[in-house]
């Protein structure tokens, strides 16, 4: 009878396994630190793209910011404005409502929210 033994076939398998697990843990922790981009940078980039009229790129950066800071009212306002510029009035309404609920300046949000509502034909809600 022939038997197979992992220890005999791979005498240093335990050492390999430990090194593999340790290496994986180190890589994962390194990835975690390197992906922590300054949240302010996302917002600054979103503002810059919006100022240039590059709304698609700005939307991506605003969404990146919101992933890390879901309660960032300024990011939500910027996202809403850019969505409105892209023709997504329904999405703009949602984001601008969130910005207002999170405490963004009412006067600033209302003018863009009103535009989003009028674009959708929601005249009663706009009043």
Protein backbone atom coordinates (compact mmCIF):
# COMPACT_ATOMS: atom_id res chain seq x y z
CA UNK A 1 0.00 0.00 0.00
CA UNK A 2 1.30 3.44 -0.96
CA UNK A 3 0.56 6.29 1.39
CA UNK A 4 1.08 9.95 0.85
CA UNK A 5 2.42 12.13 3.59
CA UNK A 6 2.40 15.92 3.24
CA UNK A 7 5.15 16.19 5.82
CA UNK A 8 7.37 13.82 3.88
CA UNK A 9 6.57 15.29 0.46
CA UNK A 10 6.85 18.90 1.64
CA UNK A 11 9.03 18.93 4.73
CA UNK A 12 8.98 22.71 5.09
CA UNK A 13 5.27 23.16 4.26
CA UNK A 14 4.47 24.54 7.73
CA UNK A 15 7.14 27.22 7.35
CA UNK A 16 5.86 28.07 3.90
CA UNK A 17 2.29 28.35 5.17
CA UNK A 18 3.31 30.62 8.04
CA UNK A 19 5.32 32.83 5.68
CA UNK A 20 2.41 32.97 3.23
CA UNK A 21 -0.10 33.99 5.90
CA UNK A 22 2.26 36.55 7.42
CA UNK A 23 3.10 37.99 4.00
CA UNK A 24 -0.59 38.25 3.13
CA UNK A 25 -1.32 40.07 6.37
CA UNK A 26 1.50 42.52 5.72
CA UNK A 27 0.29 43.18 2.18
CA UNK A 28 -3.28 43.75 3.34
CA UNK A 29 -2.21 46.20 6.01
CA UNK A 30 -0.01 48.03 3.49
CA UNK A 31 -2.91 48.28 1.06
CA UNK A 32 -5.11 49.67 3.80
CA UNK A 33 -2.70 52.51 4.58
CA UNK A 34 -1.95 53.41 0.98
CA UNK A 35 -5.60 53.69 -0.03
CA UNK A 36 -6.32 56.22 2.72
CA UNK A 37 -6.18 59.28 0.51
CA UNK A 38 -6.80 62.62 2.12
CA UNK A 39 -10.56 63.16 2.00
CA UNK A 40 -10.06 66.89 1.55
CA UNK A 41 -8.18 66.13 -1.67
CA UNK A 42 -11.22 64.35 -3.14
CA UNK A 43 -13.37 67.36 -2.38
CA UNK A 44 -10.82 69.83 -3.74
CA UNK A 45 -10.54 67.77 -6.93
CA UNK A 46 -14.34 67.61 -7.27
CA UNK A 47 -14.54 71.41 -6.95
CA UNK A 48 -11.75 71.90 -9.49
CA UNK A 49 -13.41 69.56 -12.00
CA UNK A 50 -16.74 71.31 -11.52
CA UNK A 51 -15.13 74.70 -12.09
CA UNK A 52 -13.63 73.39 -15.35
CA UNK A 53 -16.96 71.92 -16.46
CA UNK A 54 -15.61 68.36 -16.22
CA UNK A 55 -18.66 67.06 -14.38
CA UNK A 56 -18.11 63.33 -14.87
CA UNK A 57 -14.68 63.48 -13.24
CA UNK A 58 -16.03 65.75 -10.53
CA UNK A 59 -18.88 63.34 -9.79
CA UNK A 60 -16.40 60.49 -9.36
CA UNK A 61 -14.31 62.52 -6.91
CA UNK A 62 -17.35 63.67 -4.94
CA UNK A 63 -18.54 60.07 -4.68
CA UNK A 64 -15.07 58.99 -3.51
CA UNK A 65 -15.30 61.60 -0.78
CA UNK A 66 -18.78 60.47 0.22
CA UNK A 67 -17.62 56.86 0.50
CA UNK A 68 -15.21 57.95 3.22
CA UNK A 69 -17.38 60.69 4.73
CA UNK A 70 -21.07 59.90 4.14
CA UNK A 71 -22.17 62.89 6.22
CA UNK A 72 -20.14 65.47 4.30
CA UNK A 73 -22.77 68.06 3.34
CA UNK A 74 -20.42 70.00 1.03
CA UNK A 75 -19.60 66.88 -0.98
CA UNK A 76 -23.32 66.10 -1.31
CA UNK A 77 -24.04 69.65 -2.50
CA UNK A 78 -21.25 69.48 -5.08
CA UNK A 79 -22.45 66.08 -6.24
CA UNK A 80 -26.00 67.35 -6.56
CA UNK A 81 -24.94 70.38 -8.59
CA UNK A 82 -22.84 68.30 -10.97
CA UNK A 83 -25.59 65.71 -11.37
CA UNK A 84 -27.95 68.51 -12.27
CA UNK A 85 -25.48 69.82 -14.86
CA UNK A 86 -25.29 66.30 -16.32
CA UNK A 87 -29.08 66.14 -16.65
CA UNK A 88 -29.72 63.85 -13.69
CA UNK A 89 -32.27 66.03 -11.89
CA UNK A 90 -33.66 63.15 -9.82
CA UNK A 91 -30.21 62.24 -8.49
CA UNK A 92 -29.47 65.92 -7.90
CA UNK A 93 -32.67 66.27 -5.85
CA UNK A 94 -31.66 63.35 -3.63
CA UNK A 95 -28.14 64.65 -3.00
CA UNK A 96 -29.24 68.25 -2.45
CA UNK A 97 -31.91 67.10 0.00
CA UNK A 98 -29.23 65.17 1.87
CA UNK A 99 -26.91 68.20 1.89
CA UNK A 100 -29.71 70.32 3.36
CA UNK A 101 -30.54 67.65 5.96
CA UNK A 102 -26.85 67.52 6.94
CA UNK A 103 -26.84 71.25 7.59
CA UNK A 104 -25.42 72.82 4.44
CA UNK A 105 -26.34 76.50 3.96
CA UNK A 106 -30.06 76.52 3.20
CA UNK A 107 -29.85 79.52 0.84
CA UNK A 108 -27.19 77.84 -1.27
CA UNK A 109 -28.94 74.46 -1.47
CA UNK A 110 -32.44 75.78 -2.13
CA UNK A 111 -31.57 77.50 -5.39
CA UNK A 112 -30.08 74.30 -6.85
CA UNK A 113 -32.78 72.10 -5.35
CA UNK A 114 -35.45 74.34 -6.86
CA UNK A 115 -33.82 74.01 -10.27
CA UNK A 116 -33.73 70.20 -9.90
CA UNK A 117 -37.40 70.12 -8.94
CA UNK A 118 -38.46 72.42 -11.80
CA UNK A 119 -36.46 70.32 -14.28
CA UNK A 120 -38.47 67.29 -13.17
CA UNK A 121 -41.77 69.15 -13.40
CA UNK A 122 -42.31 69.03 -9.64
CA UNK A 123 -43.71 72.55 -9.53
CA UNK A 124 -45.76 72.16 -6.33
CA UNK A 125 -42.77 70.76 -4.43
CA UNK A 126 -40.57 73.59 -5.73
CA UNK A 127 -42.83 76.16 -4.08
